[in-house]
N, C-alpha and C. Protein backbone atom coordinates (compact mmCIF):
# COMPACT_ATOMS: atom_id res chain seq x y z
N MET A 1 31.79 21.51 105.43
CA MET A 1 31.04 21.41 104.80
C MET A 1 30.92 22.20 103.52
N LYS A 2 31.55 21.64 102.16
CA LYS A 2 31.46 22.50 101.18
C LYS A 2 30.04 23.04 100.60
N GLY A 3 29.03 21.95 101.06
CA GLY A 3 27.85 22.69 100.06
C GLY A 3 26.64 21.65 100.69
N ASP A 4 25.31 21.87 99.92
CA ASP A 4 24.41 20.94 100.13
C ASP A 4 24.78 20.05 98.99
N TYR A 5 24.69 18.31 99.09
CA TYR A 5 24.52 17.56 97.72
C TYR A 5 22.55 18.19 97.96
N ARG A 6 22.16 18.46 96.33
CA ARG A 6 20.85 18.70 96.28
C ARG A 6 19.95 17.68 95.38
N ILE A 7 19.06 16.89 96.17
CA ILE A 7 18.61 15.96 94.73
C ILE A 7 17.07 16.08 94.59
N ARG A 8 16.56 16.13 93.51
CA ARG A 8 15.31 16.39 93.32
C ARG A 8 14.46 14.79 92.38
N TYR A 9 13.42 14.64 93.08
CA TYR A 9 12.79 13.56 92.91
C TYR A 9 11.26 13.83 91.79
N TYR A 10 11.60 12.94 90.78
CA TYR A 10 10.54 13.10 89.61
C TYR A 10 9.67 11.94 89.14
N GLU A 11 8.39 12.07 88.88
CA GLU A 11 8.24 10.60 88.82
C GLU A 11 7.40 10.55 87.04
N ILE A 12 7.61 9.76 86.15
CA ILE A 12 7.09 9.80 85.15
C ILE A 12 5.80 9.04 85.42
N LYS A 13 4.68 9.00 84.50
CA LYS A 13 3.57 8.65 84.65
C LYS A 13 3.43 7.38 83.61
N ILE A 14 3.68 7.64 82.34
CA ILE A 14 3.76 6.76 81.13
C ILE A 14 5.18 7.39 80.27
N PRO A 15 5.89 6.13 79.71
CA PRO A 15 7.23 6.06 78.75
C PRO A 15 6.68 6.44 77.65
N ILE A 16 7.82 7.01 76.88
CA ILE A 16 7.27 7.08 75.50
C ILE A 16 7.82 5.85 74.70
N TRP A 17 6.70 5.04 74.39
CA TRP A 17 6.79 3.95 73.19
C TRP A 17 7.06 4.47 71.65
N HIS A 18 8.52 4.38 71.73
CA HIS A 18 9.06 5.12 70.19
C HIS A 18 9.39 4.42 69.43
N GLY A 19 9.05 3.73 68.44
CA GLY A 19 9.83 2.92 67.65
C GLY A 19 10.52 1.53 68.45
N GLY A 20 9.94 1.08 69.59
CA GLY A 20 10.66 -0.26 69.71
C GLY A 20 11.22 0.24 70.91
N HIS A 21 11.61 1.55 71.18
CA HIS A 21 12.90 1.94 72.30
C HIS A 21 11.82 2.55 73.29
N ARG A 22 11.94 2.28 74.49
CA ARG A 22 11.01 3.07 75.45
C ARG A 22 11.98 4.14 75.84
N GLN A 23 11.47 5.31 75.70
CA GLN A 23 11.81 6.31 76.56
C GLN A 23 11.13 7.30 77.79
N ILE A 24 11.79 8.08 78.29
CA ILE A 24 11.52 9.14 79.09
C ILE A 24 11.94 10.17 78.42
N GLY A 25 11.03 11.71 78.42
CA GLY A 25 11.37 12.76 78.29
C GLY A 25 11.50 14.03 79.65
N LEU A 26 12.68 14.53 79.42
CA LEU A 26 13.24 15.33 80.57
C LEU A 26 13.18 16.59 80.16
N ALA A 27 12.34 17.47 80.79
CA ALA A 27 13.04 19.12 80.28
C ALA A 27 14.31 19.45 81.24
N PRO A 28 15.22 19.91 80.41
CA PRO A 28 16.50 20.94 80.75
C PRO A 28 16.37 21.49 82.50
N GLY A 29 15.17 22.05 82.47
CA GLY A 29 14.92 22.69 84.39
C GLY A 29 14.82 21.35 85.15
N ARG A 30 14.44 20.40 85.08
CA ARG A 30 14.56 19.77 85.79
C ARG A 30 15.87 19.03 86.21
N VAL A 31 16.85 19.27 85.79
CA VAL A 31 18.09 19.21 86.08
C VAL A 31 18.92 20.40 86.81
N ILE A 32 18.69 21.47 86.38
CA ILE A 32 19.34 22.78 86.89
C ILE A 32 19.01 22.84 88.78
N GLY A 33 20.41 23.20 89.32
CA GLY A 33 20.15 23.56 90.40
C GLY A 33 20.07 22.29 91.19
N VAL A 34 20.40 20.99 90.71
CA VAL A 34 20.52 19.74 91.55
C VAL A 34 21.64 18.92 91.25
N ASN A 35 22.28 18.14 92.21
CA ASN A 35 23.25 17.07 91.93
C ASN A 35 22.84 15.55 91.45
N GLU A 36 21.67 16.04 91.70
CA GLU A 36 20.92 14.34 91.22
C GLU A 36 19.49 14.38 91.30
N LEU A 37 19.03 13.99 90.09
CA LEU A 37 17.71 13.76 89.39
C LEU A 37 17.38 11.82 89.53
N ARG A 38 16.48 11.94 90.53
CA ARG A 38 16.09 10.36 90.48
C ARG A 38 14.68 10.45 89.97
N VAL A 39 14.35 9.66 89.40
CA VAL A 39 13.25 9.50 88.38
C VAL A 39 12.21 8.33 88.73
N ASN A 40 11.55 8.24 88.63
CA ASN A 40 10.17 6.72 89.10
C ASN A 40 9.28 6.67 87.53
N ILE A 41 9.60 5.75 87.48
CA ILE A 41 8.21 5.64 86.12
C ILE A 41 7.29 4.66 86.57
N ALA A 42 6.14 5.58 87.01
CA ALA A 42 4.70 4.77 87.69
C ALA A 42 3.89 3.94 86.52
N TYR A 43 4.65 3.56 85.27
CA TYR A 43 3.37 2.94 84.50
C TYR A 43 3.15 1.89 85.10
N ARG A 44 1.99 0.93 84.61
CA ARG A 44 1.85 -0.16 85.88
C ARG A 44 1.60 -1.10 84.41
N ARG A 45 1.43 -2.73 84.41
CA ARG A 45 0.57 -3.22 83.60
C ARG A 45 -0.83 -3.31 83.56
N LYS A 46 -1.37 -3.50 82.64
CA LYS A 46 -2.94 -3.09 82.61
C LYS A 46 -3.56 -4.65 83.28
N LYS A 47 -2.97 -5.79 82.56
CA LYS A 47 -3.70 -6.96 82.92
C LYS A 47 -2.92 -7.77 83.98
N GLY A 48 -3.48 -8.64 84.49
CA GLY A 48 -2.76 -9.32 85.03
C GLY A 48 -2.43 -8.73 87.30
N ASP A 49 -0.63 -9.02 86.86
CA ASP A 49 -0.99 -8.71 88.68
C ASP A 49 -0.62 -7.10 88.85
N GLN A 50 -0.58 -6.35 87.86
CA GLN A 50 -0.66 -4.55 87.46
C GLN A 50 0.94 -4.14 87.98
N GLN A 51 1.83 -4.89 88.13
CA GLN A 51 2.97 -4.60 88.88
C GLN A 51 3.55 -3.62 88.13
N LEU A 52 4.19 -2.61 88.88
CA LEU A 52 5.30 -1.66 87.49
C LEU A 52 6.14 -2.67 86.69
N VAL A 53 5.81 -1.69 85.46
CA VAL A 53 6.76 -2.06 84.39
C VAL A 53 8.38 -1.85 84.28
N TYR A 54 8.63 -0.38 85.25
CA TYR A 54 10.13 -0.32 85.61
C TYR A 54 10.21 -0.07 86.91
N PRO A 55 10.55 -1.29 88.14
CA PRO A 55 10.43 -0.57 89.45
C PRO A 55 11.55 -0.04 90.13
N ASP A 56 12.78 -0.09 89.16
CA ASP A 56 13.58 0.75 89.83
C ASP A 56 13.41 2.45 89.86
N THR A 57 14.31 3.02 90.59
CA THR A 57 14.78 4.10 90.57
C THR A 57 15.76 4.53 89.86
N TYR A 58 15.69 5.76 88.84
CA TYR A 58 16.94 5.97 88.13
C TYR A 58 17.60 7.13 88.28
N SER A 59 18.91 7.37 88.27
CA SER A 59 19.55 8.54 88.91
C SER A 59 20.32 9.37 87.28
N ILE A 60 19.86 10.18 87.24
CA ILE A 60 20.49 11.19 86.59
C ILE A 60 21.27 12.57 86.93
N SER A 61 22.53 12.84 86.61
CA SER A 61 23.48 13.46 87.49
C SER A 61 23.02 14.61 85.68
N PRO A 62 23.24 15.53 86.56
CA PRO A 62 23.21 16.83 85.15
C PRO A 62 24.27 16.90 84.21
N GLN A 63 25.12 16.15 84.64
CA GLN A 63 26.74 15.88 83.55
C GLN A 63 26.00 14.87 82.64
N PHE A 64 25.21 13.92 82.99
CA PHE A 64 24.45 13.05 82.07
C PHE A 64 23.94 13.45 81.21
N TYR A 65 22.94 14.03 81.96
CA TYR A 65 21.59 14.62 80.68
C TYR A 65 22.43 15.53 80.10
N HIS A 66 23.59 16.25 80.09
CA HIS A 66 23.56 16.85 78.83
C HIS A 66 24.63 16.53 78.16
N GLU A 67 25.52 15.32 78.79
CA GLU A 67 26.44 15.17 77.53
C GLU A 67 25.74 13.79 76.58
N TYR A 68 24.25 12.98 77.38
CA TYR A 68 23.37 12.05 76.48
C TYR A 68 23.40 12.78 75.00
N ASP A 69 23.68 11.54 74.24
CA ASP A 69 23.01 12.05 72.87
C ASP A 69 21.44 11.47 72.69
N GLY A 70 20.67 12.58 72.91
CA GLY A 70 19.26 12.27 72.95
C GLY A 70 18.68 13.05 72.04
N GLU A 71 17.63 12.65 71.23
CA GLU A 71 16.46 12.99 70.64
C GLU A 71 15.92 14.50 71.37
N TRP A 72 15.79 15.52 70.45
CA TRP A 72 14.84 16.84 71.60
C TRP A 72 13.28 16.62 70.72
N THR A 73 12.82 16.64 71.14
CA THR A 73 10.91 16.61 70.97
C THR A 73 10.18 17.77 71.75
N SER A 74 9.35 18.06 71.27
CA SER A 74 8.66 18.77 72.33
C SER A 74 7.07 18.36 72.56
N ARG A 75 6.65 18.29 73.67
CA ARG A 75 5.29 18.26 74.21
C ARG A 75 4.83 19.47 74.65
N TYR A 76 3.38 19.76 74.30
CA TYR A 76 2.57 20.80 74.66
C TYR A 76 3.45 21.81 75.20
N GLY A 77 4.43 22.49 74.46
CA GLY A 77 5.07 23.54 74.58
C GLY A 77 6.52 23.10 75.14
N THR A 78 6.66 22.22 75.70
CA THR A 78 7.81 22.23 76.47
C THR A 78 8.84 21.14 75.65
N LYS A 79 10.24 22.03 75.89
CA LYS A 79 11.16 21.00 74.98
C LYS A 79 11.87 20.01 75.64
N LEU A 80 11.80 18.88 75.52
CA LEU A 80 12.20 17.74 76.40
C LEU A 80 13.44 16.83 75.34
N LYS A 81 14.36 16.32 76.17
CA LYS A 81 15.29 15.72 75.75
C LYS A 81 14.74 14.18 76.35
N LEU A 82 14.92 13.39 75.05
CA LEU A 82 14.53 11.70 75.12
C LEU A 82 15.77 11.07 75.60
N PHE A 83 15.45 10.09 76.39
CA PHE A 83 16.49 8.92 77.19
C PHE A 83 16.16 7.63 77.31
N VAL A 84 16.79 6.61 76.54
CA VAL A 84 16.24 5.63 76.16
C VAL A 84 16.27 4.88 77.76
N ILE A 85 15.23 4.03 78.08
CA ILE A 85 15.27 3.69 79.63
C ILE A 85 16.75 2.59 80.06
N GLU A 86 16.57 1.88 78.84
CA GLU A 86 18.26 1.14 79.06
C GLU A 86 19.18 1.56 79.28
N ASP A 87 19.31 3.11 78.74
CA ASP A 87 20.25 3.52 78.86
C ASP A 87 20.97 4.46 80.08
N LEU A 88 19.62 4.37 81.13
CA LEU A 88 19.36 5.16 82.47
C LEU A 88 20.53 4.38 83.35
N GLN A 89 20.84 4.72 84.42
CA GLN A 89 21.80 4.00 85.84
C GLN A 89 20.87 3.98 86.76
N VAL A 90 20.21 2.91 87.09
CA VAL A 90 19.67 2.47 88.17
C VAL A 90 20.04 3.28 89.65
N TYR A 91 19.36 3.37 90.44
CA TYR A 91 19.79 4.68 91.90
C TYR A 91 20.06 3.17 92.68
N VAL A 92 21.37 3.47 93.01
CA VAL A 92 21.82 2.16 94.24
C VAL A 92 22.02 3.23 95.16
N PRO A 93 21.74 3.05 96.29
CA PRO A 93 21.78 3.89 97.56
C PRO A 93 23.42 4.20 97.99
N TRP A 94 24.13 3.29 97.38
CA TRP A 94 25.87 3.13 98.31
C TRP A 94 26.72 4.03 97.35
N ILE A 95 26.14 4.26 96.29
CA ILE A 95 26.43 5.05 95.09
C ILE A 95 26.21 6.50 95.47
N SER A 96 25.35 6.84 95.51
CA SER A 96 24.64 8.35 95.91
C SER A 96 25.47 8.62 97.28
N ILE A 97 25.40 7.66 98.38
CA ILE A 97 26.00 8.08 99.29
C ILE A 97 27.57 8.64 99.21
N THR A 98 28.26 7.58 98.07
CA THR A 98 29.31 7.98 97.78
C THR A 98 29.83 9.70 97.52
N ARG A 99 28.88 10.00 96.33
CA ARG A 99 28.50 11.25 95.48
C ARG A 99 28.44 12.35 96.85
N GLN A 100 27.63 12.11 97.95
CA GLN A 100 27.27 13.30 98.62
C GLN A 100 28.27 13.29 99.62
N ILE A 101 29.15 12.09 99.92
CA ILE A 101 29.99 12.50 100.50
C ILE A 101 31.46 13.37 100.10
N MET A 102 31.78 12.84 98.57
CA MET A 102 32.47 13.46 98.05
C MET A 102 32.04 15.05 97.95
N PHE A 103 30.98 15.51 97.47
CA PHE A 103 30.49 16.57 97.47
C PHE A 103 30.62 17.59 98.47
N ASP A 104 30.53 16.87 99.72
CA ASP A 104 30.30 17.90 101.09
C ASP A 104 31.77 18.12 101.69
N TYR A 105 32.74 17.03 101.58
CA TYR A 105 33.70 17.14 101.53
C TYR A 105 35.10 17.59 101.05
N PHE A 106 34.48 17.54 99.73
CA PHE A 106 35.90 17.71 98.31
C PHE A 106 35.17 19.04 97.48
N GLY A 107 34.26 18.86 97.57
CA GLY A 107 33.46 19.63 96.84
C GLY A 107 33.05 19.38 95.04
N VAL A 108 33.22 18.41 95.26
CA VAL A 108 33.25 17.27 93.48
C VAL A 108 32.32 16.80 93.70
N ASP A 109 31.88 16.41 92.58
CA ASP A 109 30.75 15.21 92.31
C ASP A 109 31.35 14.36 91.22
N GLU A 110 31.97 13.55 91.51
CA GLU A 110 32.53 12.51 90.84
C GLU A 110 31.85 11.32 90.89
N ASP A 111 31.91 10.97 89.98
CA ASP A 111 32.29 9.43 89.47
C ASP A 111 31.89 8.40 90.41
N PRO A 112 31.34 7.60 91.16
CA PRO A 112 31.86 6.71 92.16
C PRO A 112 33.15 5.75 91.31
N LYS A 113 32.65 5.38 90.08
CA LYS A 113 33.25 3.97 89.02
C LYS A 113 34.60 4.45 88.58
N ARG A 114 34.74 5.58 88.47
CA ARG A 114 35.94 6.57 87.87
C ARG A 114 36.87 6.51 88.97
N LEU A 115 36.38 6.43 90.27
CA LEU A 115 37.03 6.56 91.58
C LEU A 115 37.65 5.24 91.76
N GLN A 116 36.69 4.36 91.36
CA GLN A 116 37.04 2.85 91.98
C GLN A 116 38.52 2.54 90.92
N LEU A 117 38.19 3.08 90.00
CA LEU A 117 39.53 2.16 88.44
C LEU A 117 40.70 3.28 89.02
N ILE A 118 40.47 4.79 89.71
CA ILE A 118 41.90 5.46 89.99
C ILE A 118 42.14 4.64 91.05
N ASN A 119 41.39 4.43 92.21
CA ASN A 119 41.72 3.88 93.42
C ASN A 119 42.65 2.40 92.93
N LYS A 120 41.73 1.60 92.02
CA LYS A 120 42.58 0.23 91.47
C LYS A 120 44.14 0.39 91.18
N GLN A 121 43.93 1.66 89.95
CA GLN A 121 45.28 1.39 89.48
C GLN A 121 46.49 2.16 90.42
N SER A 122 46.18 3.20 91.43
CA SER A 122 47.00 3.49 92.53
C SER A 122 47.76 2.43 93.50
N GLU A 123 46.23 1.07 93.47
CA GLU A 123 46.90 -0.18 94.38
C GLU A 123 48.19 -0.87 93.51
N ASP A 124 47.87 -0.83 92.07
CA ASP A 124 48.64 -1.58 91.52
C ASP A 124 50.37 -1.29 91.80
């Protein structure tokens, strides 16, 4: 095996309500030394059933983090990059497993959607 596939879990208590776009802020250090950051947003409705507003887990790769065109802000002295929640990729277990297998055996962390496209083109 080429190396370890590192995953970090992070929980956001309350998203940022910013002019209609619900966002989360992530410091650059959250993606350093990992292949995947899995983010949960723990915010619940205050009235009624009190279910999670965002029940999904979101997957953020270091590549996505650095390429995303988000605003920068500072909270309590920490520099944060803002991500619109609707722009985040929902964590799907088979995608993560595919990435982990590719990393373990080939030493690359490739996007499975891109690989499916390449495989489809090679079949044609």
